[in-house]
Amino acid sequence: AAPPPPAAAAAPPPPGAGVVPPPPGAAAAAAVPPPPSAPTDAPAPLG
C-alpha cells in the first residue's frame, strides 16, 4: 500500500551520445542538388 520510493536521478548522457551517424551512402545523396523550383512571374532579385 506504500507508494514506491522516488526513482534516482539518472546522469545525463555524454555529449554526442544521442547522435546517430548516417547510413553509408547518405552523404552522396545529400550532395545531390534539389530539383529546380517552378518558375515565378517576378524576376529574382540581384544579390
All heavy atoms as atom14 arrays in JSON, in Angstrom:
{
  "sequence": "AAPPPPAAAAAPPPPGAGVVPPPPGAAAAAAVPPPPSAPTDAPAPLG",
  "atom14_mask": [
    [1, 1, 1, 1, 1, 0, 0, 0, 0, 0, 0, 0, 0, 0],
    [1, 1, 1, 1, 1, 0, 0, 0, 0, 0, 0, 0, 0, 0],
    [1, 1, 1, 1, 1, 1, 1, 0, 0, 0, 0, 0, 0, 0],
    [1, 1, 1, 1, 1, 1, 1, 0, 0, 0, 0, 0, 0, 0],
    [1, 1, 1, 1, 1, 1, 1, 0, 0, 0, 0, 0, 0, 0],
    [1, 1, 1, 1, 1, 1, 1, 0, 0, 0, 0, 0, 0, 0],
    [1, 1, 1, 1, 1, 0, 0, 0, 0, 0, 0, 0, 0, 0],
    [1, 1, 1, 1, 1, 0, 0, 0, 0, 0, 0, 0, 0, 0],
    [1, 1, 1, 1, 1, 0, 0, 0, 0, 0, 0, 0, 0, 0],
    [1, 1, 1, 1, 1, 0, 0, 0, 0, 0, 0, 0, 0, 0],
    [1, 1, 1, 1, 1, 0, 0, 0, 0, 0, 0, 0, 0, 0],
    [1, 1, 1, 1, 1, 1, 1, 0, 0, 0, 0, 0, 0, 0],
    [1, 1, 1, 1, 1, 1, 1, 0, 0, 0, 0, 0, 0, 0],
    [1, 1, 1, 1, 1, 1, 1, 0, 0, 0, 0, 0, 0, 0],
    [1, 1, 1, 1, 1, 1, 1, 0, 0, 0, 0, 0, 0, 0],
    [1, 1, 1, 1, 0, 0, 0, 0, 0, 0, 0, 0, 0, 0],
    [1, 1, 1, 1, 1, 0, 0, 0, 0, 0, 0, 0, 0, 0],
    [1, 1, 1, 1, 0, 0, 0, 0, 0, 0, 0, 0, 0, 0],
    [1, 1, 1, 1, 1, 1, 1, 0, 0, 0, 0, 0, 0, 0],
    [1, 1, 1, 1, 1, 1, 1, 0, 0, 0, 0, 0, 0, 0],
    [1, 1, 1, 1, 1, 1, 1, 0, 0, 0, 0, 0, 0, 0],
    [1, 1, 1, 1, 1, 1, 1, 0, 0, 0, 0, 0, 0, 0],
    [1, 1, 1, 1, 1, 1, 1, 0, 0, 0, 0, 0, 0, 0],
    [1, 1, 1, 1, 1, 1, 1, 0, 0, 0, 0, 0, 0, 0],
    [1, 1, 1, 1, 0, 0, 0, 0, 0, 0, 0, 0, 0, 0],
    [1, 1, 1, 1, 1, 0, 0, 0, 0, 0, 0, 0, 0, 0],
    [1, 1, 1, 1, 1, 0, 0, 0, 0, 0, 0, 0, 0, 0],
    [1, 1, 1, 1, 1, 0, 0, 0, 0, 0, 0, 0, 0, 0],
    [1, 1, 1, 1, 1, 0, 0, 0, 0, 0, 0, 0, 0, 0],
    [1, 1, 1, 1, 1, 0, 0, 0, 0, 0, 0, 0, 0, 0],
    [1, 1, 1, 1, 1, 0, 0, 0, 0, 0, 0, 0, 0, 0],
    [1, 1, 1, 1, 1, 1, 1, 0, 0, 0, 0, 0, 0, 0],
    [1, 1, 1, 1, 1, 1, 1, 0, 0, 0, 0, 0, 0, 0],
    [1, 1, 1, 1, 1, 1, 1, 0, 0, 0, 0, 0, 0, 0],
    [1, 1, 1, 1, 1, 1, 1, 0, 0, 0, 0, 0, 0, 0],
    [1, 1, 1, 1, 1, 1, 1, 0, 0, 0, 0, 0, 0, 0],
    [1, 1, 1, 1, 1, 1, 0, 0, 0, 0, 0, 0, 0, 0],
    [1, 1, 1, 1, 1, 0, 0, 0, 0, 0, 0, 0, 0, 0],
    [1, 1, 1, 1, 1, 1, 1, 0, 0, 0, 0, 0, 0, 0],
    [1, 1, 1, 1, 1, 1, 1, 0, 0, 0, 0, 0, 0, 0],
    [1, 1, 1, 1, 1, 1, 1, 1, 0, 0, 0, 0, 0, 0],
    [1, 1, 1, 1, 1, 0, 0, 0, 0, 0, 0, 0, 0, 0],
    [1, 1, 1, 1, 1, 1, 1, 0, 0, 0, 0, 0, 0, 0],
    [1, 1, 1, 1, 1, 0, 0, 0, 0, 0, 0, 0, 0, 0],
    [1, 1, 1, 1, 1, 1, 1, 0, 0, 0, 0, 0, 0, 0],
    [1, 1, 1, 1, 1, 1, 1, 1, 0, 0, 0, 0, 0, 0],
    [1, 1, 1, 1, 0, 0, 0, 0, 0, 0, 0, 0, 0, 0]
  ],
  "atom14_positions": [
    [[0.82, -1.21, 0.0], [0.0, 0.0, 0.0], [0.85, 1.26, 0.0], [0.38, 2.33, -0.32], [-0.91, 0.01, 1.23], [0.0, 0.0, 0.0], [0.0, 0.0, 0.0], [0.0, 0.0, 0.0], [0.0, 0.0, 0.0], [0.0, 0.0, 0.0], [0.0, 0.0, 0.0], [0.0, 0.0, 0.0], [0.0, 0.0, 0.0], [0.0, 0.0, 0.0]],
    [[2.12, 1.13, 0.38], [3.0, 2.29, 0.43], [3.39, 2.71, -0.99], [3.55, 1.87, -1.87], [4.25, 1.97, 1.24], [0.0, 0.0, 0.0], [0.0, 0.0, 0.0], [0.0, 0.0, 0.0], [0.0, 0.0, 0.0], [0.0, 0.0, 0.0], [0.0, 0.0, 0.0], [0.0, 0.0, 0.0], [0.0, 0.0, 0.0], [0.0, 0.0, 0.0]],
    [[3.55, 4.01, -1.22], [3.96, 4.45, -2.56], [5.4, 4.02, -2.83], [6.2, 3.88, -1.9], [3.84, 5.98, -2.49], [3.95, 6.3, -1.04], [3.36, 5.12, -0.31], [0.0, 0.0, 0.0], [0.0, 0.0, 0.0], [0.0, 0.0, 0.0], [0.0, 0.0, 0.0], [0.0, 0.0, 0.0], [0.0, 0.0, 0.0], [0.0, 0.0, 0.0]],
    [[5.74, 3.78, -4.09], [7.1, 3.36, -4.4], [8.09, 4.48, -4.09], [7.74, 5.65, -4.14], [7.06, 3.06, -5.9], [5.9, 3.86, -6.4], [4.92, 3.93, -5.26], [0.0, 0.0, 0.0], [0.0, 0.0, 0.0], [0.0, 0.0, 0.0], [0.0, 0.0, 0.0], [0.0, 0.0, 0.0], [0.0, 0.0, 0.0], [0.0, 0.0, 0.0]],
    [[9.33, 4.12, -3.75], [10.33, 5.16, -3.47], [10.62, 5.95, -4.74], [10.49, 5.44, -5.85], [11.56, 4.38, -3.01], [11.37, 3.02, -3.57], [9.89, 2.79, -3.64], [0.0, 0.0, 0.0], [0.0, 0.0, 0.0], [0.0, 0.0, 0.0], [0.0, 0.0, 0.0], [0.0, 0.0, 0.0], [0.0, 0.0, 0.0], [0.0, 0.0, 0.0]],
    [[11.02, 7.21, -4.57], [11.31, 8.01, -5.77], [12.5, 7.44, -6.53], [13.44, 6.93, -5.94], [11.61, 9.4, -5.22], [11.98, 9.18, -3.79], [11.25, 7.95, -3.34], [0.0, 0.0, 0.0], [0.0, 0.0, 0.0], [0.0, 0.0, 0.0], [0.0, 0.0, 0.0], [0.0, 0.0, 0.0], [0.0, 0.0, 0.0], [0.0, 0.0, 0.0]],
    [[12.43, 7.52, -7.85], [13.49, 6.99, -8.69], [14.72, 7.88, -8.57], [14.63, 9.09, -8.44], [13.04, 6.92, -10.14], [0.0, 0.0, 0.0], [0.0, 0.0, 0.0], [0.0, 0.0, 0.0], [0.0, 0.0, 0.0], [0.0, 0.0, 0.0], [0.0, 0.0, 0.0], [0.0, 0.0, 0.0], [0.0, 0.0, 0.0], [0.0, 0.0, 0.0]],
    [[15.89, 7.25, -8.59], [17.13, 8.02, -8.52], [17.3, 8.8, -9.82], [16.95, 8.33, -10.9], [18.31, 7.07, -8.31], [0.0, 0.0, 0.0], [0.0, 0.0, 0.0], [0.0, 0.0, 0.0], [0.0, 0.0, 0.0], [0.0, 0.0, 0.0], [0.0, 0.0, 0.0], [0.0, 0.0, 0.0], [0.0, 0.0, 0.0], [0.0, 0.0, 0.0]],
    [[17.82, 9.99, -9.69], [18.02, 10.83, -10.88], [19.11, 10.2, -11.74], [20.19, 9.89, -11.27], [18.4, 12.24, -10.46], [0.0, 0.0, 0.0], [0.0, 0.0, 0.0], [0.0, 0.0, 0.0], [0.0, 0.0, 0.0], [0.0, 0.0, 0.0], [0.0, 0.0, 0.0], [0.0, 0.0, 0.0], [0.0, 0.0, 0.0], [0.0, 0.0, 0.0]],
    [[18.81, 10.01, -13.01], [19.77, 9.41, -13.93], [20.76, 10.49, -14.37], [20.42, 11.65, -14.54], [19.05, 8.84, -15.14], [0.0, 0.0, 0.0], [0.0, 0.0, 0.0], [0.0, 0.0, 0.0], [0.0, 0.0, 0.0], [0.0, 0.0, 0.0], [0.0, 0.0, 0.0], [0.0, 0.0, 0.0], [0.0, 0.0, 0.0], [0.0, 0.0, 0.0]],
    [[22.02, 10.07, -14.55], [23.04, 11.0, -15.01], [22.77, 11.34, -16.47], [22.31, 10.49, -17.24], [24.41, 10.36, -14.87], [0.0, 0.0, 0.0], [0.0, 0.0, 0.0], [0.0, 0.0, 0.0], [0.0, 0.0, 0.0], [0.0, 0.0, 0.0], [0.0, 0.0, 0.0], [0.0, 0.0, 0.0], [0.0, 0.0, 0.0], [0.0, 0.0, 0.0]],
    [[23.0, 12.58, -16.86], [22.76, 12.93, -18.26], [23.72, 12.18, -19.18], [24.84, 11.85, -18.8], [23.0, 14.44, -18.3], [23.86, 14.73, -17.13], [23.51, 13.7, -16.1], [0.0, 0.0, 0.0], [0.0, 0.0, 0.0], [0.0, 0.0, 0.0], [0.0, 0.0, 0.0], [0.0, 0.0, 0.0], [0.0, 0.0, 0.0], [0.0, 0.0, 0.0]],
    [[23.31, 11.88, -20.4], [24.19, 11.15, -21.32], [25.37, 12.03, -21.73], [25.29, 13.25, -21.72], [23.28, 10.84, -22.51], [22.21, 11.87, -22.45], [22.03, 12.2, -21.0], [0.0, 0.0, 0.0], [0.0, 0.0, 0.0], [0.0, 0.0, 0.0], [0.0, 0.0, 0.0], [0.0, 0.0, 0.0], [0.0, 0.0, 0.0], [0.0, 0.0, 0.0]],
    [[26.49, 11.41, -22.09], [27.65, 12.2, -22.53], [27.33, 12.92, -23.84], [26.43, 12.51, -24.58], [28.75, 11.16, -22.72], [28.05, 9.86, -22.86], [26.76, 9.99, -22.1], [0.0, 0.0, 0.0], [0.0, 0.0, 0.0], [0.0, 0.0, 0.0], [0.0, 0.0, 0.0], [0.0, 0.0, 0.0], [0.0, 0.0, 0.0], [0.0, 0.0, 0.0]],
    [[28.03, 14.03, -24.13], [27.76, 14.77, -25.36], [27.92, 13.88, -26.59], [28.85, 13.11, -26.71], [28.79, 15.88, -25.36], [29.29, 15.97, -23.96], [29.08, 14.63, -23.34], [0.0, 0.0, 0.0], [0.0, 0.0, 0.0], [0.0, 0.0, 0.0], [0.0, 0.0, 0.0], [0.0, 0.0, 0.0], [0.0, 0.0, 0.0], [0.0, 0.0, 0.0]],
    [[26.97, 13.98, -27.5], [27.03, 13.22, -28.75], [26.51, 11.8, -28.62], [26.52, 11.06, -29.59], [0.0, 0.0, 0.0], [0.0, 0.0, 0.0], [0.0, 0.0, 0.0], [0.0, 0.0, 0.0], [0.0, 0.0, 0.0], [0.0, 0.0, 0.0], [0.0, 0.0, 0.0], [0.0, 0.0, 0.0], [0.0, 0.0, 0.0], [0.0, 0.0, 0.0]],
    [[26.05, 11.4, -27.42], [25.58, 10.02, -27.24], [24.29, 9.77, -27.99], [24.03, 8.67, -28.43], [25.4, 9.71, -25.76], [0.0, 0.0, 0.0], [0.0, 0.0, 0.0], [0.0, 0.0, 0.0], [0.0, 0.0, 0.0], [0.0, 0.0, 0.0], [0.0, 0.0, 0.0], [0.0, 0.0, 0.0], [0.0, 0.0, 0.0], [0.0, 0.0, 0.0]],
    [[23.46, 10.8, -28.16], [22.19, 10.61, -28.85], [22.28, 10.8, -30.35], [21.31, 10.61, -31.06], [0.0, 0.0, 0.0], [0.0, 0.0, 0.0], [0.0, 0.0, 0.0], [0.0, 0.0, 0.0], [0.0, 0.0, 0.0], [0.0, 0.0, 0.0], [0.0, 0.0, 0.0], [0.0, 0.0, 0.0], [0.0, 0.0, 0.0], [0.0, 0.0, 0.0]],
    [[23.46, 11.17, -30.89], [23.61, 11.4, -32.32], [23.86, 10.07, -33.02], [24.76, 9.33, -32.65], [24.77, 12.39, -32.6], [24.96, 12.58, -34.08], [24.53, 13.7, -31.9], [0.0, 0.0, 0.0], [0.0, 0.0, 0.0], [0.0, 0.0, 0.0], [0.0, 0.0, 0.0], [0.0, 0.0, 0.0], [0.0, 0.0, 0.0], [0.0, 0.0, 0.0]],
    [[23.05, 9.79, -34.02], [23.19, 8.55, -34.78], [23.88, 8.89, -36.09], [23.44, 9.79, -36.81], [21.8, 7.92, -35.04], [21.92, 6.65, -35.85], [21.09, 7.66, -33.72], [0.0, 0.0, 0.0], [0.0, 0.0, 0.0], [0.0, 0.0, 0.0], [0.0, 0.0, 0.0], [0.0, 0.0, 0.0], [0.0, 0.0, 0.0], [0.0, 0.0, 0.0]],
    [[24.98, 8.2, -36.45], [25.65, 8.5, -37.72], [24.75, 8.12, -38.89], [23.94, 7.2, -38.81], [26.92, 7.64, -37.68], [26.61, 6.56, -36.72], [25.64, 7.12, -35.73], [0.0, 0.0, 0.0], [0.0, 0.0, 0.0], [0.0, 0.0, 0.0], [0.0, 0.0, 0.0], [0.0, 0.0, 0.0], [0.0, 0.0, 0.0], [0.0, 0.0, 0.0]],
    [[24.88, 8.83, -40.01], [24.05, 8.5, -41.18], [24.47, 7.16, -41.77], [25.62, 6.73, -41.63], [24.33, 9.65, -42.15], [25.66, 10.18, -41.75], [25.77, 9.96, -40.26], [0.0, 0.0, 0.0], [0.0, 0.0, 0.0], [0.0, 0.0, 0.0], [0.0, 0.0, 0.0], [0.0, 0.0, 0.0], [0.0, 0.0, 0.0], [0.0, 0.0, 0.0]],
    [[23.56, 6.48, -42.42], [23.91, 5.2, -43.03], [24.87, 5.42, -44.22], [24.96, 6.51, -44.76], [22.56, 4.65, -43.5], [21.66, 5.82, -43.59], [22.16, 6.82, -42.59], [0.0, 0.0, 0.0], [0.0, 0.0, 0.0], [0.0, 0.0, 0.0], [0.0, 0.0, 0.0], [0.0, 0.0, 0.0], [0.0, 0.0, 0.0], [0.0, 0.0, 0.0]],
    [[25.59, 4.38, -44.61], [26.52, 4.52, -45.75], [25.78, 4.94, -47.0], [24.69, 4.48, -47.29], [27.13, 3.13, -45.93], [26.78, 2.37, -44.7], [25.62, 3.05, -44.05], [0.0, 0.0, 0.0], [0.0, 0.0, 0.0], [0.0, 0.0, 0.0], [0.0, 0.0, 0.0], [0.0, 0.0, 0.0], [0.0, 0.0, 0.0], [0.0, 0.0, 0.0]],
    [[26.37, 5.85, -47.73], [25.78, 6.33, -48.97], [24.87, 7.52, -48.76], [24.42, 8.12, -49.72], [0.0, 0.0, 0.0], [0.0, 0.0, 0.0], [0.0, 0.0, 0.0], [0.0, 0.0, 0.0], [0.0, 0.0, 0.0], [0.0, 0.0, 0.0], [0.0, 0.0, 0.0], [0.0, 0.0, 0.0], [0.0, 0.0, 0.0], [0.0, 0.0, 0.0]],
    [[24.58, 7.89, -47.53], [23.7, 9.03, -47.28], [24.42, 10.33, -47.6], [23.79, 11.31, -48.0], [23.22, 9.02, -45.85], [0.0, 0.0, 0.0], [0.0, 0.0, 0.0], [0.0, 0.0, 0.0], [0.0, 0.0, 0.0], [0.0, 0.0, 0.0], [0.0, 0.0, 0.0], [0.0, 0.0, 0.0], [0.0, 0.0, 0.0], [0.0, 0.0, 0.0]],
    [[25.75, 10.38, -47.43], [26.49, 11.61, -47.7], [26.43, 11.94, -49.19], [26.29, 13.09, -49.58], [27.93, 11.47, -47.24], [0.0, 0.0, 0.0], [0.0, 0.0, 0.0], [0.0, 0.0, 0.0], [0.0, 0.0, 0.0], [0.0, 0.0, 0.0], [0.0, 0.0, 0.0], [0.0, 0.0, 0.0], [0.0, 0.0, 0.0], [0.0, 0.0, 0.0]],
    [[26.49, 10.94, -50.07], [26.42, 11.18, -51.51], [25.03, 11.68, -51.89], [24.87, 12.53, -52.76], [26.74, 9.9, -52.27], [0.0, 0.0, 0.0], [0.0, 0.0, 0.0], [0.0, 0.0, 0.0], [0.0, 0.0, 0.0], [0.0, 0.0, 0.0], [0.0, 0.0, 0.0], [0.0, 0.0, 0.0], [0.0, 0.0, 0.0], [0.0, 0.0, 0.0]],
    [[23.98, 11.17, -51.21], [22.62, 11.61, -51.53], [22.42, 13.05, -51.1], [21.67, 13.79, -51.73], [21.61, 10.69, -50.83], [0.0, 0.0, 0.0], [0.0, 0.0, 0.0], [0.0, 0.0, 0.0], [0.0, 0.0, 0.0], [0.0, 0.0, 0.0], [0.0, 0.0, 0.0], [0.0, 0.0, 0.0], [0.0, 0.0, 0.0], [0.0, 0.0, 0.0]],
    [[23.08, 13.48, -50.03], [22.92, 14.85, -49.56], [23.62, 15.83, -50.5], [23.26, 17.0, -50.56], [23.48, 14.99, -48.15], [0.0, 0.0, 0.0], [0.0, 0.0, 0.0], [0.0, 0.0, 0.0], [0.0, 0.0, 0.0], [0.0, 0.0, 0.0], [0.0, 0.0, 0.0], [0.0, 0.0, 0.0], [0.0, 0.0, 0.0], [0.0, 0.0, 0.0]],
    [[24.63, 15.38, -51.27], [25.36, 16.27, -52.16], [24.58, 16.56, -53.44], [24.91, 17.48, -54.17], [26.71, 15.67, -52.51], [0.0, 0.0, 0.0], [0.0, 0.0, 0.0], [0.0, 0.0, 0.0], [0.0, 0.0, 0.0], [0.0, 0.0, 0.0], [0.0, 0.0, 0.0], [0.0, 0.0, 0.0], [0.0, 0.0, 0.0], [0.0, 0.0, 0.0]],
    [[23.54, 15.79, -53.73], [22.74, 16.0, -54.94], [21.9, 17.25, -54.73], [21.2, 17.38, -53.73], [21.84, 14.77, -55.21], [20.92, 15.03, -56.39], [22.69, 13.55, -55.41], [0.0, 0.0, 0.0], [0.0, 0.0, 0.0], [0.0, 0.0, 0.0], [0.0, 0.0, 0.0], [0.0, 0.0, 0.0], [0.0, 0.0, 0.0], [0.0, 0.0, 0.0]],
    [[21.95, 18.21, -55.69], [21.16, 19.44, -55.53], [19.68, 19.15, -55.65], [19.27, 18.21, -56.33], [21.66, 20.34, -56.65], [22.2, 19.41, -57.68], [22.73, 18.24, -56.92], [0.0, 0.0, 0.0], [0.0, 0.0, 0.0], [0.0, 0.0, 0.0], [0.0, 0.0, 0.0], [0.0, 0.0, 0.0], [0.0, 0.0, 0.0], [0.0, 0.0, 0.0]],
    [[18.85, 19.95, -55.02], [17.41, 19.73, -55.11], [16.92, 20.07, -56.51], [17.56, 20.83, -57.23], [16.84, 20.7, -54.07], [17.88, 21.75, -53.91], [19.19, 21.06, -54.16], [0.0, 0.0, 0.0], [0.0, 0.0, 0.0], [0.0, 0.0, 0.0], [0.0, 0.0, 0.0], [0.0, 0.0, 0.0], [0.0, 0.0, 0.0], [0.0, 0.0, 0.0]],
    [[15.78, 19.54, -56.92], [15.26, 19.83, -58.26], [14.88, 21.31, -58.35], [14.57, 21.94, -57.34], [14.03, 18.93, -58.38], [13.64, 18.61, -56.97], [14.91, 18.64, -56.18], [0.0, 0.0, 0.0], [0.0, 0.0, 0.0], [0.0, 0.0, 0.0], [0.0, 0.0, 0.0], [0.0, 0.0, 0.0], [0.0, 0.0, 0.0], [0.0, 0.0, 0.0]],
    [[14.92, 21.88, -59.54], [14.57, 23.3, -59.69], [13.12, 23.53, -59.34], [12.26, 22.69, -59.57], [14.86, 23.59, -61.16], [14.87, 22.27, -61.84], [15.27, 21.26, -60.81], [0.0, 0.0, 0.0], [0.0, 0.0, 0.0], [0.0, 0.0, 0.0], [0.0, 0.0, 0.0], [0.0, 0.0, 0.0], [0.0, 0.0, 0.0], [0.0, 0.0, 0.0]],
    [[12.87, 24.7, -58.78], [11.51, 25.04, -58.4], [10.75, 25.57, -59.62], [11.34, 25.9, -60.65], [11.53, 26.09, -57.28], [12.15, 27.26, -57.75], [0.0, 0.0, 0.0], [0.0, 0.0, 0.0], [0.0, 0.0, 0.0], [0.0, 0.0, 0.0], [0.0, 0.0, 0.0], [0.0, 0.0, 0.0], [0.0, 0.0, 0.0], [0.0, 0.0, 0.0]],
    [[9.46, 25.68, -59.47], [8.63, 26.15, -60.59], [8.96, 27.62, -60.86], [9.21, 28.4, -59.93], [7.17, 26.0, -60.23], [0.0, 0.0, 0.0], [0.0, 0.0, 0.0], [0.0, 0.0, 0.0], [0.0, 0.0, 0.0], [0.0, 0.0, 0.0], [0.0, 0.0, 0.0], [0.0, 0.0, 0.0], [0.0, 0.0, 0.0], [0.0, 0.0, 0.0]],
    [[8.96, 28.05, -62.14], [9.27, 29.45, -62.44], [8.18, 30.37, -61.91], [7.01, 30.02, -61.87], [9.35, 29.49, -63.96], [8.59, 28.3, -64.42], [8.7, 27.27, -63.33], [0.0, 0.0, 0.0], [0.0, 0.0, 0.0], [0.0, 0.0, 0.0], [0.0, 0.0, 0.0], [0.0, 0.0, 0.0], [0.0, 0.0, 0.0], [0.0, 0.0, 0.0]],
    [[8.6, 31.55, -61.49], [7.65, 32.55, -61.0], [7.64, 33.71, -61.97], [8.54, 33.9, -62.78], [8.07, 33.04, -59.6], [9.36, 33.62, -59.69], [8.08, 31.91, -58.6], [0.0, 0.0, 0.0], [0.0, 0.0, 0.0], [0.0, 0.0, 0.0], [0.0, 0.0, 0.0], [0.0, 0.0, 0.0], [0.0, 0.0, 0.0], [0.0, 0.0, 0.0]],
    [[6.61, 34.53, -61.89], [6.49, 35.69, -62.77], [7.42, 36.82, -62.36], [7.84, 37.62, -63.18], [5.05, 36.19, -62.78], [4.11, 35.18, -63.42], [4.61, 34.32, -64.18], [2.89, 35.26, -63.16], [0.0, 0.0, 0.0], [0.0, 0.0, 0.0], [0.0, 0.0, 0.0], [0.0, 0.0, 0.0], [0.0, 0.0, 0.0], [0.0, 0.0, 0.0]],
    [[7.75, 36.92, -61.09], [8.59, 38.02, -60.62], [10.05, 37.68, -60.88], [10.47, 36.54, -60.7], [8.36, 38.25, -59.14], [0.0, 0.0, 0.0], [0.0, 0.0, 0.0], [0.0, 0.0, 0.0], [0.0, 0.0, 0.0], [0.0, 0.0, 0.0], [0.0, 0.0, 0.0], [0.0, 0.0, 0.0], [0.0, 0.0, 0.0], [0.0, 0.0, 0.0]],
    [[10.83, 38.66, -61.31], [12.25, 38.38, -61.52], [12.96, 38.19, -60.19], [12.59, 38.78, -59.17], [12.76, 39.63, -62.24], [11.8, 40.7, -61.87], [10.48, 40.01, -61.63], [0.0, 0.0, 0.0], [0.0, 0.0, 0.0], [0.0, 0.0, 0.0], [0.0, 0.0, 0.0], [0.0, 0.0, 0.0], [0.0, 0.0, 0.0], [0.0, 0.0, 0.0]],
    [[13.97, 37.38, -60.18], [14.74, 37.12, -58.96], [15.56, 38.36, -58.62], [16.13, 38.99, -59.52], [15.65, 35.92, -59.16], [0.0, 0.0, 0.0], [0.0, 0.0, 0.0], [0.0, 0.0, 0.0], [0.0, 0.0, 0.0], [0.0, 0.0, 0.0], [0.0, 0.0, 0.0], [0.0, 0.0, 0.0], [0.0, 0.0, 0.0], [0.0, 0.0, 0.0]],
    [[15.61, 38.77, -57.38], [16.41, 39.94, -57.02], [17.88, 39.65, -57.2], [18.34, 38.52, -57.03], [16.04, 40.17, -55.56], [15.55, 38.86, -55.06], [14.96, 38.15, -56.24], [0.0, 0.0, 0.0], [0.0, 0.0, 0.0], [0.0, 0.0, 0.0], [0.0, 0.0, 0.0], [0.0, 0.0, 0.0], [0.0, 0.0, 0.0], [0.0, 0.0, 0.0]],
    [[18.62, 40.69, -57.5], [20.06, 40.56, -57.65], [20.71, 40.43, -56.29], [20.29, 41.05, -55.33], [20.63, 41.78, -58.38], [20.13, 41.96, -59.82], [20.67, 43.25, -60.39], [20.55, 40.79, -60.68], [0.0, 0.0, 0.0], [0.0, 0.0, 0.0], [0.0, 0.0, 0.0], [0.0, 0.0, 0.0], [0.0, 0.0, 0.0], [0.0, 0.0, 0.0]],
    [[21.75, 39.7, -56.23], [22.47, 39.53, -54.97], [21.79, 38.56, -54.02], [22.28, 38.32, -52.95], [0.0, 0.0, 0.0], [0.0, 0.0, 0.0], [0.0, 0.0, 0.0], [0.0, 0.0, 0.0], [0.0, 0.0, 0.0], [0.0, 0.0, 0.0], [0.0, 0.0, 0.0], [0.0, 0.0, 0.0], [0.0, 0.0, 0.0], [0.0, 0.0, 0.0]]
  ]
}
